[in-house]
Amino acid sequence: MIEVKDLQKTYTGKVPVHALKGVSFDIPSGQFVALMGPSGSGKSTLLHQLALLDTPTSGGILLDGVDILSLSQHAATDFRLRHMGYVFQEYALIPELNAIENAFLPLMLLGIHRKEYIRIAGDLMDKVGLSDRLHHLISELSGGEQQRVAIARALVNKSKILFADEPCANLDTENKGIVLRLLRKLCNELGQTILMVTHEPEQREFADRVLWLRDGRLEKEEYISKDTQEEALHNGYRTDISSDPDYLKDD
């Protein structure tokens, strides 16, 4: 699904910043991957390159066999709209629209018939547990509910991959658990490919695999057992995990 080869990103200025330094990895279809590492390790930078929100200095990215870095600006915008979903920390919902209107907006932009995009968005809102909140304005929803609307919006175009940049950063413990269990369920039941940036060690229990970054390089990989995933789904979000506690500290 995703093939990354020798990806490099340098921000120029008086003092160049080498944010990514030759990162390479593959992600198969249907895998839930967490990107982890200390602050400044390159997690969000890497996600932005893969999601076509930024352009790397060099290297290659194939998404479902498509060389996305060779696309024109127009083609890249169209590809992102048709094949990618993105969940932001701050939800990025439109406050003037209600929940289902936010969810079906990408399909409107694609020119899908109104009856069809309402049906598709309604089905997804049901999957994220918000079938009773369709016509509520964003200001009438909790933070956890807003993030679930954002997830429905990210999936409404049947995206090949869901990018999530610290999706639980602004949520309380209960809603963190709800969102993480939802992402795990989407991967298990729909075969959704998910790439999630997080800095909280306990969140990795919901993933299949963890890519650990440090100083712009892929330092190690970790695979999460099915038993651990099942325990996370059963117990919900825990805050007592101390595995590798020093790894996420700044240098």
Protein backbone atom coordinates (compact mmCIF):
# COMPACT_ATOMS: atom_id res chain seq x y z
CA MET A 1 0.00 0.00 0.00
CA ILE A 2 2.68 2.53 1.04
CA GLU A 3 6.30 2.35 -0.05
CA VAL A 4 8.70 5.00 1.21
CA LYS A 5 12.29 5.08 -0.01
CA ASP A 6 15.10 7.28 1.30
CA LEU A 7 12.77 10.17 2.14
CA GLN A 8 14.54 13.39 3.06
CA LYS A 9 13.19 16.79 4.05
CA THR A 10 15.33 19.85 4.68
CA TYR A 11 13.88 23.20 5.65
CA THR A 12 16.14 25.94 4.31
CA GLY A 13 16.98 29.15 6.12
CA LYS A 14 19.89 30.74 7.90
CA VAL A 15 20.39 27.39 9.58
CA PRO A 16 19.05 24.44 7.49
CA VAL A 17 16.94 21.97 9.47
CA HIS A 18 17.21 18.33 8.34
CA ALA A 19 13.82 17.06 9.50
CA LEU A 20 13.95 13.70 7.68
CA LYS A 21 17.22 11.91 6.93
CA GLY A 22 16.68 9.01 4.55
CA VAL A 23 13.58 7.31 5.96
CA SER A 24 12.50 4.06 4.25
CA PHE A 25 9.70 1.59 5.08
CA ASP A 26 6.69 -0.26 3.62
CA ILE A 27 3.15 -0.49 5.00
CA PRO A 28 0.86 -3.24 3.64
CA SER A 29 -2.83 -2.70 3.04
CA GLY A 30 -5.01 -3.03 6.14
CA GLN A 31 -2.29 -2.39 8.70
CA PHE A 32 -2.63 0.06 11.60
CA VAL A 33 0.74 1.76 12.12
CA ALA A 34 1.69 4.22 14.85
CA LEU A 35 4.47 6.78 14.30
CA MET A 36 6.24 7.51 17.58
CA GLY A 37 9.29 9.32 18.86
CA PRO A 38 10.40 12.34 20.89
CA SER A 39 9.29 15.86 20.09
CA GLY A 40 11.15 17.03 17.00
CA SER A 41 11.86 13.52 15.75
CA GLY A 42 10.06 14.10 12.43
CA LYS A 43 6.73 12.36 13.04
CA SER A 44 4.38 15.05 11.76
CA THR A 45 6.84 16.05 9.04
CA LEU A 46 6.81 12.51 7.72
CA LEU A 47 3.03 12.33 7.85
CA HIS A 48 2.75 15.59 5.91
CA GLN A 49 4.95 14.25 3.11
CA LEU A 50 2.91 11.05 2.78
CA ALA A 51 -0.41 12.92 2.85
CA LEU A 52 0.69 15.36 0.12
CA LEU A 53 0.48 18.29 2.52
CA ASP A 54 4.18 19.06 1.92
CA THR A 55 6.87 18.11 -0.59
CA PRO A 56 10.01 16.20 0.42
CA THR A 57 13.46 17.37 -0.61
CA SER A 58 14.22 13.96 -2.12
CA GLY A 59 13.19 10.33 -2.03
CA GLY A 60 10.20 8.37 -3.26
CA ILE A 61 6.64 7.60 -2.15
CA LEU A 62 4.36 5.05 -3.80
CA LEU A 63 0.76 4.85 -2.65
CA ASP A 64 -1.10 1.85 -4.02
CA GLY A 65 1.45 1.73 -6.83
CA VAL A 66 1.11 5.43 -7.72
CA ASP A 67 4.18 7.66 -7.62
CA ILE A 68 2.45 10.50 -5.81
CA LEU A 69 5.46 12.81 -5.95
CA SER A 70 5.32 12.88 -9.75
CA LEU A 71 1.74 14.18 -9.80
CA SER A 72 0.97 17.72 -10.89
CA GLN A 73 -0.53 20.05 -8.30
CA HIS A 74 -4.01 19.54 -9.76
CA ALA A 75 -3.58 15.75 -9.95
CA ALA A 76 -2.21 15.65 -6.40
CA THR A 77 -5.23 17.57 -5.09
CA ASP A 78 -7.58 15.21 -6.91
CA PHE A 79 -5.70 12.13 -5.66
CA ARG A 80 -5.82 13.39 -2.08
CA LEU A 81 -9.55 14.08 -2.34
CA ARG A 82 -10.32 10.66 -3.83
CA HIS A 83 -7.92 8.35 -2.03
CA MET A 84 -6.78 9.88 1.27
CA GLY A 85 -8.44 10.75 4.54
CA TYR A 86 -6.89 13.04 7.15
CA VAL A 87 -7.78 13.51 10.82
CA PHE A 88 -6.28 16.54 12.54
CA GLN A 89 -5.64 17.31 16.22
CA GLU A 90 -8.00 20.28 16.07
CA TYR A 91 -10.76 18.39 14.17
CA ALA A 92 -10.83 21.03 11.36
CA LEU A 93 -14.62 20.90 11.08
CA ILE A 94 -16.75 23.71 9.65
CA PRO A 95 -18.79 25.23 12.50
CA GLU A 96 -21.54 26.59 10.25
CA LEU A 97 -22.37 23.05 9.07
CA ASN A 98 -23.98 20.29 11.10
CA ALA A 99 -22.37 16.92 11.74
CA ILE A 100 -23.55 15.03 8.66
CA GLU A 101 -22.88 18.02 6.39
CA ASN A 102 -19.28 18.05 7.58
CA ALA A 103 -19.07 14.31 6.95
CA PHE A 104 -20.39 14.35 3.39
CA LEU A 105 -18.50 17.49 2.27
CA PRO A 106 -15.75 15.57 0.37
CA LEU A 107 -18.38 13.71 -1.66
CA MET A 108 -20.06 17.00 -2.54
CA LEU A 109 -16.71 18.25 -3.85
CA LEU A 110 -16.41 15.08 -5.94
CA GLY A 111 -19.80 15.75 -7.53
CA ILE A 112 -21.56 12.70 -6.07
CA HIS A 113 -25.37 12.80 -6.28
CA ARG A 114 -26.99 14.28 -3.15
CA LYS A 115 -29.06 11.22 -2.31
CA GLU A 116 -25.98 9.01 -2.54
CA TYR A 117 -23.64 11.16 -0.47
CA ILE A 118 -26.26 11.54 2.26
CA ARG A 119 -26.67 7.74 2.35
CA ILE A 120 -22.91 7.07 2.47
CA ALA A 121 -22.28 9.70 5.13
CA GLY A 122 -25.22 8.47 7.18
CA ASP A 123 -23.87 4.91 7.13
CA LEU A 124 -20.47 6.10 8.32
CA MET A 125 -21.95 8.27 11.04
CA ASP A 126 -23.73 5.17 12.27
CA LYS A 127 -20.44 3.24 12.26
CA VAL A 128 -18.79 5.90 14.42
CA GLY A 129 -21.74 5.89 16.81
CA LEU A 130 -23.27 9.25 15.92
CA SER A 131 -26.50 8.32 14.16
CA ASP A 132 -28.43 10.33 16.76
CA ARG A 133 -26.27 13.47 16.30
CA LEU A 134 -26.49 13.97 12.53
CA HIS A 135 -28.14 17.37 12.60
CA HIS A 136 -26.33 18.86 15.58
CA LEU A 137 -24.04 21.81 14.95
CA ILE A 138 -20.36 21.27 15.72
CA SER A 139 -20.64 23.56 18.77
CA GLU A 140 -23.24 21.18 20.19
CA LEU A 141 -20.89 18.18 20.09
CA SER A 142 -18.27 17.11 22.61
CA GLY A 143 -14.61 16.95 21.60
CA GLY A 144 -14.82 13.18 21.23
CA GLU A 145 -17.92 13.46 19.06
CA GLN A 146 -16.27 16.09 16.89
CA GLN A 147 -13.28 13.84 16.34
CA ARG A 148 -15.57 10.98 15.34
CA VAL A 149 -17.25 13.27 12.80
CA ALA A 150 -13.76 14.04 11.47
CA ILE A 151 -13.03 10.32 11.17
CA ALA A 152 -16.29 9.76 9.26
CA ARG A 153 -15.37 12.64 6.93
CA ALA A 154 -11.92 11.12 6.38
CA LEU A 155 -13.46 7.79 5.34
CA VAL A 156 -16.44 9.01 3.32
CA ASN A 157 -14.47 8.90 0.05
CA LYS A 158 -13.49 5.26 0.73
CA SER A 159 -9.94 6.46 1.32
CA LYS A 160 -7.16 3.97 0.76
CA ILE A 161 -5.37 5.26 3.83
CA LEU A 162 -6.40 7.22 6.90
CA PHE A 163 -3.77 9.64 8.20
CA ALA A 164 -4.26 10.72 11.81
CA ASP A 165 -2.04 13.40 13.36
CA GLU A 166 -2.30 13.16 17.16
CA PRO A 167 -6.06 12.47 16.91
CA CYS A 168 -6.45 12.15 20.69
CA ALA A 169 -4.31 15.12 21.74
CA ASN A 170 -7.24 17.30 22.78
CA LEU A 171 -9.45 14.59 24.28
CA ASP A 172 -10.00 13.42 27.82
CA THR A 173 -9.16 9.85 28.82
CA GLU A 174 -12.61 8.43 28.12
CA ASN A 175 -12.83 9.93 24.65
CA LYS A 176 -9.26 8.89 23.83
CA GLY A 177 -10.36 5.33 24.46
CA ILE A 178 -13.45 5.73 22.29
CA VAL A 179 -11.47 7.11 19.35
CA LEU A 180 -8.67 4.54 19.61
CA ARG A 181 -11.11 1.62 19.83
CA LEU A 182 -12.91 3.05 16.80
CA LEU A 183 -9.69 3.19 14.77
CA ARG A 184 -8.85 -0.39 15.76
CA LYS A 185 -12.38 -1.49 14.79
CA LEU A 186 -12.12 0.23 11.39
CA CYS A 187 -8.88 -1.61 10.73
CA ASN A 188 -10.25 -4.97 11.87
CA GLU A 189 -13.67 -4.81 10.23
CA LEU A 190 -13.12 -2.66 7.14
CA GLY A 191 -9.48 -3.45 6.44
CA GLN A 192 -8.67 0.27 6.69
CA THR A 193 -5.00 1.22 6.43
CA ILE A 194 -4.17 3.70 9.20
CA LEU A 195 -1.05 5.75 9.91
CA MET A 196 -1.29 7.58 13.24
CA VAL A 197 1.15 9.98 14.86
CA THR A 198 1.15 9.85 18.64
CA HIS A 199 3.53 10.65 21.49
CA GLU A 200 1.70 8.61 24.13
CA PRO A 201 3.18 5.10 24.63
CA GLU A 202 -0.12 3.53 25.72
CA GLN A 203 -1.76 4.36 22.39
CA ARG A 204 0.57 2.01 20.53
CA GLU A 205 -1.28 -0.98 22.04
CA PHE A 206 -4.09 -0.40 19.53
CA ALA A 207 -1.77 -0.56 16.50
CA ASP A 208 -0.31 -3.53 14.62
CA ARG A 209 3.11 -1.98 14.31
CA VAL A 210 5.09 0.98 15.60
CA LEU A 211 7.68 2.96 13.65
CA TRP A 212 9.97 4.76 16.10
CA LEU A 213 11.66 7.91 14.82
CA ARG A 214 14.54 9.84 16.35
CA ASP A 215 16.30 12.85 14.87
CA GLY A 216 14.67 12.36 11.48
CA ARG A 217 15.64 8.71 11.15
CA LEU A 218 13.74 5.44 11.53
CA GLU A 219 15.45 3.98 14.57
CA LYS A 220 13.45 0.82 15.25
CA GLU A 221 10.20 -1.04 14.61
CA GLU A 222 7.93 -2.78 17.07
CA TYR A 223 5.13 -5.26 16.38
CA ILE A 224 2.12 -5.40 18.70
CA SER A 225 0.64 -8.81 19.44
CA LYS A 226 -3.02 -9.61 18.83
CA ASP A 227 -3.37 -10.44 22.52
CA THR A 228 -2.18 -6.95 23.44
CA GLN A 229 -4.63 -5.40 20.98
CA GLU A 230 -7.49 -7.46 22.37
CA GLU A 231 -6.57 -6.45 25.90
CA ALA A 232 -6.51 -2.78 24.85
CA LEU A 233 -9.93 -3.11 23.23
CA HIS A 234 -11.31 -4.82 26.31
CA ASN A 235 -9.76 -2.55 28.93
CA GLY A 236 -9.99 0.73 27.03
CA TYR A 237 -7.42 3.48 27.21
CA ARG A 238 -4.93 3.04 30.03
CA THR A 239 -2.53 5.61 31.41
CA ASP A 240 -0.37 3.29 33.48
CA ILE A 241 1.91 1.93 30.76
CA SER A 242 5.58 2.52 31.43
CA SER A 243 7.12 0.44 28.62
CA ASP A 244 10.12 2.27 27.14
CA PRO A 245 9.35 5.39 29.23
CA ASP A 246 12.55 7.24 28.35
CA TYR A 247 12.25 6.83 24.62
CA LEU A 248 9.81 9.69 24.14
CA LYS A 249 11.83 12.17 26.18
CA ASP A 250 13.59 14.96 24.34
CA ASP A 251 17.32 14.65 23.91
